[in-house]
Amino acid sequence: MSWRNIEKNAYNILNLLSETETVMVFDVETVGLAEDAKIIQFSAIRYKVMSDFSLEKMDFYDTYINPEEHLRPKIIEITGITQEMLDKCPYRFLSQESRCLRST
């Protein structure tokens, strides 16, 4: 991975990267944009920061969380996540506090 866009704050980010050997990047997908929108996918990637500030992927974690509700067509279109993918995932949404429980 390499930098695609360099903006005025890029040098601040490069300075931070020069002080560490690895960075973690997190991403979530939700059922919408509302404050109480449920998370349906959580991903984390750990990168090694190379001497030229490029990033080399080291570790990856990705999981789906079943929101216990049907996805709207627009969410499927935006995320690429289907109802079938969530129906068979091992995690179930429990409450609005974003806790989940692994199914047995």
N, C-alpha and C. Protein backbone atom coordinates (compact mmCIF):
# COMPACT_ATOMS: atom_id res chain seq x y z
N MET A 1 0.85 -1.18 0.00
CA MET A 1 0.00 0.00 0.00
C MET A 1 0.89 1.23 0.00
N SER A 2 0.50 2.24 -0.72
CA SER A 2 1.26 3.49 -0.75
C SER A 2 0.29 4.66 -0.67
N TRP A 3 0.82 5.84 -0.43
CA TRP A 3 0.00 7.04 -0.34
C TRP A 3 -0.56 7.39 -1.71
N ARG A 4 -1.86 7.61 -1.80
CA ARG A 4 -2.49 8.00 -3.05
C ARG A 4 -2.75 9.49 -3.10
N ASN A 5 -3.06 10.09 -1.97
CA ASN A 5 -3.40 11.51 -1.93
C ASN A 5 -2.53 12.20 -0.89
N ILE A 6 -1.86 13.24 -1.32
CA ILE A 6 -1.06 14.01 -0.38
C ILE A 6 -1.72 15.37 -0.22
N GLU A 7 -2.16 15.66 0.99
CA GLU A 7 -2.81 16.93 1.29
C GLU A 7 -1.97 17.69 2.30
N LYS A 8 -2.43 18.88 2.69
CA LYS A 8 -1.62 19.73 3.56
C LYS A 8 -1.31 19.09 4.90
N ASN A 9 -2.13 18.17 5.40
CA ASN A 9 -1.87 17.52 6.69
C ASN A 9 -1.09 16.22 6.55
N ALA A 10 -0.73 15.85 5.35
CA ALA A 10 -0.03 14.58 5.14
C ALA A 10 1.28 14.53 5.90
N TYR A 11 1.99 15.64 6.00
CA TYR A 11 3.28 15.63 6.70
C TYR A 11 3.11 15.41 8.19
N ASN A 12 2.00 15.86 8.76
CA ASN A 12 1.71 15.56 10.17
C ASN A 12 1.53 14.07 10.36
N ILE A 13 0.84 13.44 9.43
CA ILE A 13 0.64 11.99 9.51
C ILE A 13 1.97 11.27 9.32
N LEU A 14 2.76 11.72 8.38
CA LEU A 14 4.08 11.09 8.16
C LEU A 14 4.95 11.22 9.40
N ASN A 15 4.89 12.34 10.08
CA ASN A 15 5.66 12.50 11.31
C ASN A 15 5.20 11.50 12.37
N LEU A 16 3.91 11.30 12.49
CA LEU A 16 3.40 10.31 13.44
C LEU A 16 3.84 8.91 13.05
N LEU A 17 3.78 8.60 11.76
CA LEU A 17 4.20 7.28 11.30
C LEU A 17 5.69 7.03 11.54
N SER A 18 6.48 8.09 11.49
CA SER A 18 7.92 7.92 11.69
C SER A 18 8.25 7.55 13.13
N GLU A 19 7.30 7.72 14.04
CA GLU A 19 7.52 7.41 15.44
C GLU A 19 7.05 6.01 15.84
N THR A 20 6.55 5.23 14.90
CA THR A 20 6.03 3.92 15.23
C THR A 20 6.44 2.89 14.19
N GLU A 21 6.34 1.63 14.55
CA GLU A 21 6.67 0.55 13.62
C GLU A 21 5.43 -0.06 12.98
N THR A 22 4.29 0.06 13.67
CA THR A 22 3.05 -0.50 13.14
C THR A 22 1.89 0.45 13.39
N VAL A 23 0.84 0.29 12.58
CA VAL A 23 -0.41 1.04 12.77
C VAL A 23 -1.57 0.08 12.60
N MET A 24 -2.66 0.39 13.30
CA MET A 24 -3.89 -0.38 13.17
C MET A 24 -4.94 0.49 12.49
N VAL A 25 -5.64 -0.11 11.54
CA VAL A 25 -6.72 0.58 10.85
C VAL A 25 -8.00 -0.20 11.12
N PHE A 26 -9.04 0.50 11.55
CA PHE A 26 -10.33 -0.12 11.85
C PHE A 26 -11.38 0.40 10.89
N ASP A 27 -12.36 -0.47 10.58
CA ASP A 27 -13.46 -0.08 9.72
C ASP A 27 -14.71 -0.81 10.18
N VAL A 28 -15.85 -0.14 10.12
CA VAL A 28 -17.12 -0.77 10.43
C VAL A 28 -18.12 -0.47 9.32
N GLU A 29 -19.03 -1.39 9.14
CA GLU A 29 -20.19 -1.17 8.27
C GLU A 29 -21.41 -1.26 9.16
N THR A 30 -22.40 -0.41 8.89
CA THR A 30 -23.60 -0.37 9.72
C THR A 30 -24.85 -0.48 8.86
N VAL A 31 -25.99 -0.61 9.53
CA VAL A 31 -27.27 -0.70 8.81
C VAL A 31 -27.81 0.67 8.43
N GLY A 32 -27.08 1.73 8.74
CA GLY A 32 -27.51 3.08 8.40
C GLY A 32 -26.61 4.11 9.05
N LEU A 33 -27.05 5.36 9.04
CA LEU A 33 -26.26 6.46 9.58
C LEU A 33 -26.80 7.01 10.90
N ALA A 34 -27.93 6.52 11.35
CA ALA A 34 -28.53 7.02 12.59
C ALA A 34 -27.65 6.69 13.79
N GLU A 35 -27.85 7.43 14.85
CA GLU A 35 -27.06 7.23 16.07
C GLU A 35 -27.17 5.81 16.61
N ASP A 36 -28.32 5.18 16.42
CA ASP A 36 -28.52 3.82 16.93
C ASP A 36 -28.35 2.75 15.85
N ALA A 37 -27.72 3.09 14.73
CA ALA A 37 -27.50 2.12 13.64
C ALA A 37 -26.62 0.98 14.14
N LYS A 38 -27.02 -0.22 13.85
CA LYS A 38 -26.28 -1.40 14.32
C LYS A 38 -25.10 -1.70 13.41
N ILE A 39 -24.03 -2.16 14.02
CA ILE A 39 -22.84 -2.57 13.27
C ILE A 39 -23.08 -3.95 12.68
N ILE A 40 -22.76 -4.11 11.38
CA ILE A 40 -22.92 -5.42 10.74
C ILE A 40 -21.59 -6.02 10.30
N GLN A 41 -20.52 -5.22 10.29
CA GLN A 41 -19.20 -5.75 9.95
C GLN A 41 -18.15 -4.94 10.70
N PHE A 42 -17.17 -5.66 11.25
CA PHE A 42 -16.04 -5.02 11.93
C PHE A 42 -14.77 -5.59 11.32
N SER A 43 -13.84 -4.71 10.94
CA SER A 43 -12.57 -5.14 10.35
C SER A 43 -11.43 -4.39 11.01
N ALA A 44 -10.29 -5.05 11.11
CA ALA A 44 -9.08 -4.42 11.62
C ALA A 44 -7.90 -4.95 10.82
N ILE A 45 -6.99 -4.06 10.45
CA ILE A 45 -5.79 -4.46 9.73
C ILE A 45 -4.60 -3.82 10.44
N ARG A 46 -3.57 -4.64 10.71
CA ARG A 46 -2.33 -4.11 11.28
C ARG A 46 -1.31 -4.06 10.17
N TYR A 47 -0.70 -2.87 10.01
CA TYR A 47 0.30 -2.65 8.98
C TYR A 47 1.66 -2.39 9.61
N LYS A 48 2.70 -2.84 8.94
CA LYS A 48 4.06 -2.48 9.29
C LYS A 48 4.40 -1.22 8.49
N VAL A 49 4.95 -0.21 9.17
CA VAL A 49 5.35 1.02 8.50
C VAL A 49 6.77 0.82 7.96
N MET A 50 6.90 0.92 6.66
CA MET A 50 8.20 0.72 6.02
C MET A 50 8.99 2.03 6.04
N SER A 51 10.29 1.96 5.75
CA SER A 51 11.15 3.14 5.81
C SER A 51 10.73 4.24 4.82
N ASP A 52 10.05 3.85 3.74
CA ASP A 52 9.57 4.85 2.77
C ASP A 52 8.13 5.28 3.06
N PHE A 53 7.62 4.89 4.23
CA PHE A 53 6.27 5.18 4.71
C PHE A 53 5.18 4.41 3.97
N SER A 54 5.56 3.45 3.16
CA SER A 54 4.54 2.57 2.60
C SER A 54 4.12 1.61 3.72
N LEU A 55 3.00 0.96 3.54
CA LEU A 55 2.46 0.08 4.57
C LEU A 55 2.39 -1.34 4.05
N GLU A 56 2.86 -2.27 4.87
CA GLU A 56 2.82 -3.69 4.52
C GLU A 56 1.86 -4.39 5.48
N LYS A 57 0.84 -5.05 4.93
CA LYS A 57 -0.15 -5.72 5.77
C LYS A 57 0.47 -6.86 6.54
N MET A 58 0.24 -6.88 7.86
CA MET A 58 0.78 -7.92 8.73
C MET A 58 -0.31 -8.87 9.21
N ASP A 59 -1.39 -8.31 9.74
CA ASP A 59 -2.49 -9.11 10.31
C ASP A 59 -3.81 -8.52 9.86
N PHE A 60 -4.83 -9.38 9.87
CA PHE A 60 -6.14 -8.95 9.42
C PHE A 60 -7.21 -9.67 10.23
N TYR A 61 -8.23 -8.94 10.65
CA TYR A 61 -9.38 -9.53 11.33
C TYR A 61 -10.64 -8.95 10.70
N ASP A 62 -11.59 -9.80 10.42
CA ASP A 62 -12.83 -9.36 9.81
C ASP A 62 -13.96 -10.26 10.29
N THR A 63 -15.06 -9.67 10.72
CA THR A 63 -16.21 -10.47 11.15
C THR A 63 -17.51 -9.75 10.83
N TYR A 64 -18.54 -10.53 10.64
CA TYR A 64 -19.88 -10.00 10.46
C TYR A 64 -20.64 -10.15 11.76
N ILE A 65 -21.62 -9.25 11.98
CA ILE A 65 -22.47 -9.30 13.16
C ILE A 65 -23.91 -9.25 12.67
N ASN A 66 -24.68 -10.26 13.01
CA ASN A 66 -26.07 -10.31 12.58
C ASN A 66 -26.88 -9.31 13.40
N PRO A 67 -27.50 -8.29 12.76
CA PRO A 67 -28.23 -7.27 13.51
C PRO A 67 -29.61 -7.72 13.96
N GLU A 68 -29.99 -8.95 13.61
CA GLU A 68 -31.32 -9.48 13.95
C GLU A 68 -32.43 -8.63 13.35
N GLU A 69 -32.15 -8.09 12.17
CA GLU A 69 -33.16 -7.37 11.39
C GLU A 69 -32.76 -7.49 9.93
N HIS A 70 -33.72 -7.36 9.03
CA HIS A 70 -33.43 -7.49 7.61
C HIS A 70 -32.75 -6.23 7.08
N LEU A 71 -31.76 -6.44 6.23
CA LEU A 71 -31.06 -5.31 5.62
C LEU A 71 -31.92 -4.66 4.55
N ARG A 72 -31.85 -3.36 4.49
CA ARG A 72 -32.54 -2.63 3.42
C ARG A 72 -31.73 -2.78 2.13
N PRO A 73 -32.41 -2.77 0.98
CA PRO A 73 -31.70 -2.92 -0.30
C PRO A 73 -30.57 -1.90 -0.49
N LYS A 74 -30.74 -0.68 -0.02
CA LYS A 74 -29.71 0.35 -0.19
C LYS A 74 -28.45 -0.01 0.60
N ILE A 75 -28.59 -0.59 1.78
CA ILE A 75 -27.43 -1.01 2.58
C ILE A 75 -26.70 -2.14 1.88
N ILE A 76 -27.44 -3.06 1.30
CA ILE A 76 -26.82 -4.16 0.55
C ILE A 76 -26.04 -3.59 -0.63
N GLU A 77 -26.64 -2.62 -1.32
CA GLU A 77 -25.98 -2.00 -2.47
C GLU A 77 -24.69 -1.28 -2.06
N ILE A 78 -24.74 -0.54 -0.98
CA ILE A 78 -23.59 0.26 -0.54
C ILE A 78 -22.46 -0.62 -0.01
N THR A 79 -22.81 -1.61 0.84
CA THR A 79 -21.78 -2.39 1.53
C THR A 79 -21.38 -3.67 0.81
N GLY A 80 -22.27 -4.19 -0.02
CA GLY A 80 -22.01 -5.49 -0.64
C GLY A 80 -22.26 -6.66 0.29
N ILE A 81 -22.76 -6.35 1.48
CA ILE A 81 -23.07 -7.39 2.47
C ILE A 81 -24.51 -7.81 2.26
N THR A 82 -24.74 -9.11 2.15
CA THR A 82 -26.09 -9.62 1.90
C THR A 82 -26.70 -10.17 3.18
N GLN A 83 -28.01 -10.33 3.17
CA GLN A 83 -28.73 -10.91 4.30
C GLN A 83 -28.24 -12.33 4.57
N GLU A 84 -27.95 -13.07 3.51
CA GLU A 84 -27.47 -14.45 3.66
C GLU A 84 -26.13 -14.49 4.40
N MET A 85 -25.26 -13.53 4.13
CA MET A 85 -23.96 -13.48 4.81
C MET A 85 -24.16 -13.28 6.31
N LEU A 86 -25.11 -12.44 6.69
CA LEU A 86 -25.35 -12.17 8.11
C LEU A 86 -26.11 -13.29 8.79
N ASP A 87 -27.01 -13.95 8.06
CA ASP A 87 -27.80 -15.02 8.65
C ASP A 87 -26.92 -16.19 9.12
N LYS A 88 -25.78 -16.41 8.45
CA LYS A 88 -24.93 -17.53 8.83
C LYS A 88 -23.71 -17.13 9.67
N CYS A 89 -23.62 -15.86 10.06
CA CYS A 89 -22.46 -15.44 10.83
C CYS A 89 -22.59 -15.88 12.29
N PRO A 90 -21.45 -16.04 12.99
CA PRO A 90 -21.48 -16.57 14.35
C PRO A 90 -21.84 -15.56 15.44
N TYR A 91 -21.99 -14.29 15.11
CA TYR A 91 -22.27 -13.28 16.12
C TYR A 91 -23.67 -12.71 15.94
N ARG A 92 -24.34 -12.44 17.05
CA ARG A 92 -25.68 -11.87 17.06
C ARG A 92 -25.67 -10.57 17.84
N PHE A 93 -26.40 -9.59 17.36
CA PHE A 93 -26.51 -8.31 18.04
C PHE A 93 -27.42 -8.46 19.24
N LEU A 94 -26.99 -7.93 20.41
CA LEU A 94 -27.79 -8.09 21.62
C LEU A 94 -28.55 -6.85 22.04
N SER A 95 -27.91 -5.68 21.97
CA SER A 95 -28.56 -4.49 22.49
C SER A 95 -28.03 -3.25 21.79
N GLN A 96 -28.58 -2.11 22.12
CA GLN A 96 -28.16 -0.86 21.52
C GLN A 96 -26.80 -0.40 22.03
N GLU A 97 -26.26 -1.07 23.03
CA GLU A 97 -24.92 -0.74 23.53
C GLU A 97 -23.85 -1.42 22.69
N SER A 98 -24.22 -1.97 21.54
CA SER A 98 -23.30 -2.60 20.59
C SER A 98 -22.58 -3.81 21.16
N ARG A 99 -23.23 -4.55 22.04
CA ARG A 99 -22.64 -5.81 22.51
C ARG A 99 -23.10 -6.92 21.59
N CYS A 100 -22.27 -7.90 21.44
CA CYS A 100 -22.67 -9.05 20.63
C CYS A 100 -22.28 -10.32 21.35
N LEU A 101 -22.88 -11.40 20.97
CA LEU A 101 -22.67 -12.69 21.61
C LEU A 101 -22.39 -13.72 20.55
N ARG A 102 -21.36 -14.51 20.75
CA ARG A 102 -21.05 -15.56 19.80
C ARG A 102 -22.05 -16.69 19.99
N SER A 103 -22.67 -17.10 18.89
CA SER A 103 -23.62 -18.20 18.95
C SER A 103 -22.88 -19.51 19.18
N THR A 104 -23.53 -20.44 19.84
CA THR A 104 -22.89 -21.74 20.07
C THR A 104 -23.46 -22.79 19.16
